[in-house]
Amino acid sequence: MIYPFIFDNYNSPARIRQMRELENSYELKLDVPGFSKEDIELSLNDNIITISGKNSNNKAPEGYQPIYRSFTIKDFVITAPAPKKIKESEISAKLINGILTIIMPKQEKEQKKTILIEG
């Protein structure tokens, strides 16, 4: 485990499934059922990841009367601190079958620098 991670909205239709550290990156997976990639926005600002979704299909057809509904697809916003040393310009995301996967590549470790002392 990297560190306590999530500022999650428990009333949200989106749920964070897992975050794991891989050899060269961090991977964050979220369940976002009913959302398309056009409905989701991902941003990184001041080391905070914000994932938001706006349901573009929120209107029921005219005359539609639901008999039973297990959940409603509503808008959501999830924010979380990003891992410290990532390549911000190389973050990528993909949405497949209602699962949003965000890959945050790690920065290479800085080489130890030896400084010459003059005198």
N, C-alpha and C. Protein backbone atom coordinates (compact mmCIF):
# COMPACT_ATOMS: atom_id res chain seq x y z
N MET A 1 0.85 -1.18 0.00
CA MET A 1 0.00 0.00 0.00
C MET A 1 0.89 1.24 0.00
N ILE A 2 0.53 2.20 -0.81
CA ILE A 2 1.34 3.41 -0.93
C ILE A 2 1.08 4.31 0.27
N TYR A 3 -0.15 4.71 0.48
CA TYR A 3 -0.55 5.52 1.63
C TYR A 3 -2.06 5.65 1.57
N PRO A 4 -2.72 6.07 2.66
CA PRO A 4 -4.16 6.29 2.57
C PRO A 4 -4.43 7.28 1.44
N PHE A 5 -5.35 6.94 0.58
CA PHE A 5 -5.35 7.55 -0.74
C PHE A 5 -6.57 8.40 -1.07
N ILE A 6 -7.73 8.03 -0.67
CA ILE A 6 -8.92 8.50 -1.36
C ILE A 6 -9.77 9.49 -0.56
N PHE A 7 -10.23 10.53 -1.23
CA PHE A 7 -11.30 11.37 -0.71
C PHE A 7 -12.53 10.98 -1.54
N ASP A 8 -13.18 9.93 -1.18
CA ASP A 8 -14.23 9.34 -2.00
C ASP A 8 -15.60 9.83 -1.54
N ASN A 9 -16.51 10.00 -2.47
CA ASN A 9 -17.89 10.33 -2.16
C ASN A 9 -18.67 9.02 -2.17
N TYR A 10 -19.09 8.56 -1.01
CA TYR A 10 -19.72 7.25 -0.93
C TYR A 10 -21.11 7.20 -1.54
N ASN A 11 -21.69 8.34 -1.85
CA ASN A 11 -22.97 8.37 -2.55
C ASN A 11 -22.78 8.37 -4.06
N SER A 12 -21.55 8.28 -4.50
CA SER A 12 -21.21 8.36 -5.92
C SER A 12 -21.47 7.04 -6.63
N PRO A 13 -21.89 7.11 -7.90
CA PRO A 13 -22.02 5.87 -8.68
C PRO A 13 -20.65 5.31 -9.06
N ALA A 14 -19.61 6.13 -8.99
CA ALA A 14 -18.24 5.69 -9.31
C ALA A 14 -17.58 5.21 -8.02
N ARG A 15 -16.82 4.14 -8.13
CA ARG A 15 -16.13 3.57 -6.97
C ARG A 15 -14.68 3.29 -7.34
N ILE A 16 -13.79 3.61 -6.44
CA ILE A 16 -12.40 3.27 -6.66
C ILE A 16 -12.23 1.80 -6.35
N ARG A 17 -11.77 1.07 -7.33
CA ARG A 17 -11.60 -0.37 -7.22
C ARG A 17 -10.27 -0.71 -6.56
N GLN A 18 -9.18 -0.11 -7.06
CA GLN A 18 -7.86 -0.39 -6.48
C GLN A 18 -6.84 0.61 -6.99
N MET A 19 -5.78 0.76 -6.21
CA MET A 19 -4.59 1.46 -6.68
C MET A 19 -3.43 0.57 -6.32
N ARG A 20 -2.55 0.38 -7.29
CA ARG A 20 -1.39 -0.46 -7.01
C ARG A 20 -0.14 0.14 -7.64
N GLU A 21 0.97 -0.24 -7.03
CA GLU A 21 2.26 0.22 -7.51
C GLU A 21 2.86 -0.90 -8.34
N LEU A 22 3.19 -0.57 -9.58
CA LEU A 22 3.86 -1.50 -10.48
C LEU A 22 5.33 -1.10 -10.55
N GLU A 23 6.11 -1.83 -11.31
CA GLU A 23 7.54 -1.55 -11.37
C GLU A 23 7.83 -0.14 -11.89
N ASN A 24 7.14 0.27 -12.96
CA ASN A 24 7.43 1.56 -13.59
C ASN A 24 6.29 2.57 -13.52
N SER A 25 5.20 2.22 -12.81
CA SER A 25 4.06 3.13 -12.78
C SER A 25 3.15 2.82 -11.59
N TYR A 26 2.16 3.68 -11.42
CA TYR A 26 1.07 3.45 -10.49
C TYR A 26 -0.17 3.25 -11.33
N GLU A 27 -1.06 2.39 -10.89
CA GLU A 27 -2.29 2.10 -11.63
C GLU A 27 -3.48 2.32 -10.71
N LEU A 28 -4.42 3.14 -11.15
CA LEU A 28 -5.64 3.42 -10.40
C LEU A 28 -6.81 2.92 -11.24
N LYS A 29 -7.67 2.09 -10.63
CA LYS A 29 -8.85 1.58 -11.34
C LYS A 29 -10.11 2.02 -10.62
N LEU A 30 -11.08 2.49 -11.41
CA LEU A 30 -12.36 2.91 -10.87
C LEU A 30 -13.49 2.22 -11.62
N ASP A 31 -14.56 1.89 -10.91
CA ASP A 31 -15.78 1.42 -11.54
C ASP A 31 -16.62 2.65 -11.86
N VAL A 32 -16.97 2.82 -13.13
CA VAL A 32 -17.79 3.95 -13.56
C VAL A 32 -18.92 3.43 -14.45
N PRO A 33 -19.83 2.64 -13.90
CA PRO A 33 -20.89 2.03 -14.73
C PRO A 33 -21.82 3.07 -15.33
N GLY A 34 -22.13 2.89 -16.59
CA GLY A 34 -23.07 3.76 -17.27
C GLY A 34 -22.47 5.03 -17.86
N PHE A 35 -21.16 5.24 -17.71
CA PHE A 35 -20.51 6.43 -18.25
C PHE A 35 -19.69 6.09 -19.48
N SER A 36 -19.68 7.00 -20.44
CA SER A 36 -18.83 6.85 -21.61
C SER A 36 -17.59 7.71 -21.40
N LYS A 37 -16.58 7.54 -22.25
CA LYS A 37 -15.35 8.33 -22.09
C LYS A 37 -15.62 9.82 -22.30
N GLU A 38 -16.64 10.17 -23.08
CA GLU A 38 -16.99 11.58 -23.27
C GLU A 38 -17.61 12.19 -22.01
N ASP A 39 -18.15 11.36 -21.13
CA ASP A 39 -18.79 11.83 -19.90
C ASP A 39 -17.80 12.07 -18.77
N ILE A 40 -16.55 11.60 -18.92
CA ILE A 40 -15.58 11.63 -17.82
C ILE A 40 -14.47 12.62 -18.12
N GLU A 41 -14.10 13.38 -17.08
CA GLU A 41 -12.98 14.32 -17.19
C GLU A 41 -11.97 13.99 -16.11
N LEU A 42 -10.71 13.98 -16.50
CA LEU A 42 -9.61 13.65 -15.60
C LEU A 42 -8.63 14.81 -15.61
N SER A 43 -8.25 15.32 -14.42
CA SER A 43 -7.29 16.43 -14.36
C SER A 43 -6.34 16.23 -13.19
N LEU A 44 -5.19 16.88 -13.30
CA LEU A 44 -4.18 16.85 -12.24
C LEU A 44 -3.75 18.28 -11.99
N ASN A 45 -3.92 18.74 -10.74
CA ASN A 45 -3.57 20.11 -10.39
C ASN A 45 -3.02 20.12 -8.97
N ASP A 46 -1.83 20.68 -8.79
CA ASP A 46 -1.18 20.74 -7.47
C ASP A 46 -1.12 19.37 -6.80
N ASN A 47 -0.78 18.35 -7.60
CA ASN A 47 -0.62 16.98 -7.12
C ASN A 47 -1.92 16.35 -6.62
N ILE A 48 -3.06 16.87 -7.07
CA ILE A 48 -4.36 16.30 -6.74
C ILE A 48 -5.02 15.84 -8.04
N ILE A 49 -5.41 14.56 -8.07
CA ILE A 49 -6.13 14.02 -9.23
C ILE A 49 -7.61 14.26 -9.00
N THR A 50 -8.28 14.77 -10.01
CA THR A 50 -9.74 14.94 -9.95
C THR A 50 -10.35 14.17 -11.10
N ILE A 51 -11.28 13.29 -10.76
CA ILE A 51 -12.00 12.49 -11.76
C ILE A 51 -13.47 12.86 -11.60
N SER A 52 -14.07 13.38 -12.67
CA SER A 52 -15.47 13.76 -12.58
C SER A 52 -16.23 13.16 -13.76
N GLY A 53 -17.49 12.90 -13.52
CA GLY A 53 -18.36 12.35 -14.56
C GLY A 53 -19.68 13.06 -14.58
N LYS A 54 -20.11 13.42 -15.76
CA LYS A 54 -21.43 14.03 -15.94
C LYS A 54 -22.24 13.10 -16.83
N ASN A 55 -23.34 12.63 -16.31
CA ASN A 55 -24.16 11.68 -17.05
C ASN A 55 -24.96 12.41 -18.12
N SER A 56 -24.56 12.21 -19.37
CA SER A 56 -25.25 12.88 -20.48
C SER A 56 -26.57 12.19 -20.82
N ASN A 57 -26.78 10.98 -20.32
CA ASN A 57 -28.02 10.24 -20.60
C ASN A 57 -28.94 10.22 -19.39
N ASN A 58 -28.96 11.31 -18.63
CA ASN A 58 -29.69 11.34 -17.37
C ASN A 58 -31.20 11.51 -17.55
N LYS A 59 -31.65 11.86 -18.74
CA LYS A 59 -33.08 12.08 -18.96
C LYS A 59 -33.75 10.79 -19.40
N ALA A 60 -34.86 10.49 -18.76
CA ALA A 60 -35.65 9.31 -19.14
C ALA A 60 -36.51 9.65 -20.36
N PRO A 61 -36.76 8.66 -21.21
CA PRO A 61 -37.62 8.91 -22.36
C PRO A 61 -39.02 9.34 -21.92
N GLU A 62 -39.70 10.09 -22.76
CA GLU A 62 -41.05 10.54 -22.43
C GLU A 62 -41.96 9.34 -22.22
N GLY A 63 -42.74 9.40 -21.15
CA GLY A 63 -43.66 8.32 -20.84
C GLY A 63 -43.03 7.17 -20.09
N TYR A 64 -41.76 7.26 -19.79
CA TYR A 64 -41.04 6.18 -19.10
C TYR A 64 -41.42 6.19 -17.62
N GLN A 65 -41.91 5.07 -17.12
CA GLN A 65 -42.28 4.92 -15.71
C GLN A 65 -41.55 3.71 -15.15
N PRO A 66 -40.44 3.91 -14.43
CA PRO A 66 -39.71 2.75 -13.91
C PRO A 66 -40.52 2.01 -12.83
N ILE A 67 -40.46 0.70 -12.88
CA ILE A 67 -41.10 -0.13 -11.86
C ILE A 67 -40.09 -0.44 -10.75
N TYR A 68 -38.85 -0.65 -11.15
CA TYR A 68 -37.79 -0.94 -10.19
C TYR A 68 -36.49 -0.33 -10.70
N ARG A 69 -35.71 0.20 -9.81
CA ARG A 69 -34.42 0.77 -10.18
C ARG A 69 -33.43 0.44 -9.07
N SER A 70 -32.32 -0.26 -9.40
CA SER A 70 -31.35 -0.64 -8.37
C SER A 70 -30.38 0.50 -8.06
N PHE A 71 -30.10 1.35 -9.03
CA PHE A 71 -29.28 2.53 -8.79
C PHE A 71 -29.54 3.54 -9.90
N THR A 72 -29.22 4.78 -9.61
CA THR A 72 -29.36 5.86 -10.57
C THR A 72 -27.98 6.33 -10.96
N ILE A 73 -27.77 6.52 -12.24
CA ILE A 73 -26.49 7.03 -12.71
C ILE A 73 -26.53 8.55 -12.56
N LYS A 74 -25.75 9.06 -11.61
CA LYS A 74 -25.73 10.50 -11.38
C LYS A 74 -24.30 11.01 -11.50
N ASP A 75 -24.15 12.32 -11.58
CA ASP A 75 -22.83 12.93 -11.70
C ASP A 75 -21.99 12.62 -10.47
N PHE A 76 -20.66 12.63 -10.65
CA PHE A 76 -19.77 12.37 -9.53
C PHE A 76 -18.49 13.17 -9.66
N VAL A 77 -17.81 13.36 -8.53
CA VAL A 77 -16.48 13.96 -8.49
C VAL A 77 -15.71 13.20 -7.41
N ILE A 78 -14.53 12.69 -7.78
CA ILE A 78 -13.64 12.02 -6.83
C ILE A 78 -12.29 12.73 -6.92
N THR A 79 -11.73 13.09 -5.77
CA THR A 79 -10.41 13.70 -5.74
C THR A 79 -9.50 12.84 -4.87
N ALA A 80 -8.22 12.85 -5.23
CA ALA A 80 -7.24 12.04 -4.49
C ALA A 80 -5.85 12.63 -4.68
N PRO A 81 -5.00 12.53 -3.67
CA PRO A 81 -3.61 12.95 -3.87
C PRO A 81 -2.90 12.00 -4.80
N ALA A 82 -2.13 12.53 -5.73
CA ALA A 82 -1.36 11.69 -6.66
C ALA A 82 -0.07 11.26 -5.99
N PRO A 83 0.49 10.13 -6.41
CA PRO A 83 1.81 9.76 -5.91
C PRO A 83 2.80 10.88 -6.22
N LYS A 84 3.81 11.04 -5.39
CA LYS A 84 4.71 12.19 -5.47
C LYS A 84 5.51 12.28 -6.76
N LYS A 85 6.18 11.22 -7.17
CA LYS A 85 7.12 11.31 -8.29
C LYS A 85 6.57 10.60 -9.52
N ILE A 86 5.70 11.31 -10.25
CA ILE A 86 5.15 10.75 -11.48
C ILE A 86 5.46 11.69 -12.63
N LYS A 87 5.43 11.14 -13.84
CA LYS A 87 5.61 11.94 -15.06
C LYS A 87 4.23 12.46 -15.46
N GLU A 88 3.93 13.67 -15.05
CA GLU A 88 2.60 14.22 -15.28
C GLU A 88 2.22 14.26 -16.75
N SER A 89 3.18 14.52 -17.62
CA SER A 89 2.88 14.64 -19.05
C SER A 89 2.60 13.29 -19.71
N GLU A 90 2.86 12.19 -19.02
CA GLU A 90 2.67 10.86 -19.62
C GLU A 90 1.54 10.06 -18.97
N ILE A 91 0.70 10.71 -18.17
CA ILE A 91 -0.44 10.02 -17.57
C ILE A 91 -1.40 9.63 -18.68
N SER A 92 -1.92 8.41 -18.62
CA SER A 92 -2.87 7.95 -19.63
C SER A 92 -4.06 7.29 -18.93
N ALA A 93 -5.16 7.19 -19.65
CA ALA A 93 -6.37 6.58 -19.11
C ALA A 93 -7.11 5.85 -20.22
N LYS A 94 -7.79 4.76 -19.84
CA LYS A 94 -8.65 4.06 -20.79
C LYS A 94 -9.89 3.57 -20.06
N LEU A 95 -10.98 3.49 -20.81
CA LEU A 95 -12.27 3.06 -20.26
C LEU A 95 -12.73 1.84 -21.04
N ILE A 96 -12.83 0.71 -20.36
CA ILE A 96 -13.28 -0.53 -21.00
C ILE A 96 -14.30 -1.20 -20.08
N ASN A 97 -15.49 -1.46 -20.62
CA ASN A 97 -16.55 -2.16 -19.90
C ASN A 97 -16.86 -1.55 -18.54
N GLY A 98 -16.90 -0.22 -18.45
CA GLY A 98 -17.26 0.45 -17.21
C GLY A 98 -16.15 0.54 -16.18
N ILE A 99 -14.92 0.18 -16.57
CA ILE A 99 -13.78 0.27 -15.66
C ILE A 99 -12.79 1.27 -16.25
N LEU A 100 -12.54 2.36 -15.50
CA LEU A 100 -11.59 3.38 -15.90
C LEU A 100 -10.24 3.04 -15.28
N THR A 101 -9.21 2.89 -16.12
CA THR A 101 -7.86 2.59 -15.66
C THR A 101 -6.97 3.79 -15.96
N ILE A 102 -6.33 4.31 -14.92
CA ILE A 102 -5.43 5.45 -15.06
C ILE A 102 -4.02 4.97 -14.75
N ILE A 103 -3.09 5.20 -15.70
CA ILE A 103 -1.69 4.81 -15.53
C ILE A 103 -0.87 6.08 -15.32
N MET A 104 -0.12 6.10 -14.22
CA MET A 104 0.74 7.25 -13.89
C MET A 104 2.18 6.76 -13.85
N PRO A 105 2.96 6.97 -14.93
CA PRO A 105 4.34 6.49 -14.97
C PRO A 105 5.20 7.17 -13.90
N LYS A 106 6.10 6.39 -13.32
CA LYS A 106 7.03 6.92 -12.32
C LYS A 106 8.16 7.68 -13.01
N GLN A 107 8.67 8.67 -12.31
CA GLN A 107 9.87 9.35 -12.79
C GLN A 107 11.06 8.45 -12.50
N GLU A 108 12.08 8.57 -13.36
CA GLU A 108 13.30 7.82 -13.09
C GLU A 108 13.93 8.36 -11.82
N LYS A 109 14.59 7.50 -11.10
CA LYS A 109 15.27 7.93 -9.88
C LYS A 109 16.43 8.83 -10.26
N GLU A 110 16.59 9.88 -9.50
CA GLU A 110 17.69 10.80 -9.76
C GLU A 110 19.00 10.12 -9.38
N GLN A 111 20.00 10.32 -10.23
CA GLN A 111 21.32 9.77 -9.96
C GLN A 111 21.99 10.58 -8.86
N LYS A 112 22.71 9.89 -8.03
CA LYS A 112 23.45 10.57 -6.97
C LYS A 112 24.50 11.48 -7.61
N LYS A 113 24.54 12.69 -7.17
CA LYS A 113 25.44 13.67 -7.75
C LYS A 113 26.59 13.93 -6.79
N THR A 114 27.79 13.79 -7.26
CA THR A 114 28.97 14.10 -6.45
C THR A 114 29.42 15.51 -6.80
N ILE A 115 29.62 16.30 -5.78
CA ILE A 115 30.01 17.69 -5.99
C ILE A 115 31.47 17.84 -5.57
N LEU A 116 32.23 18.40 -6.46
CA LEU A 116 33.65 18.63 -6.19
C LEU A 116 33.84 19.80 -5.25
N ILE A 117 34.69 19.66 -4.29
CA ILE A 117 34.98 20.73 -3.37
C ILE A 117 36.27 21.40 -3.80
N GLU A 118 36.19 22.69 -4.04
CA GLU A 118 37.38 23.42 -4.45
C GLU A 118 38.08 24.00 -3.23
N GLY A 119 39.34 24.23 -3.36
CA GLY A 119 40.02 24.82 -2.22
C GLY A 119 41.50 24.95 -2.41
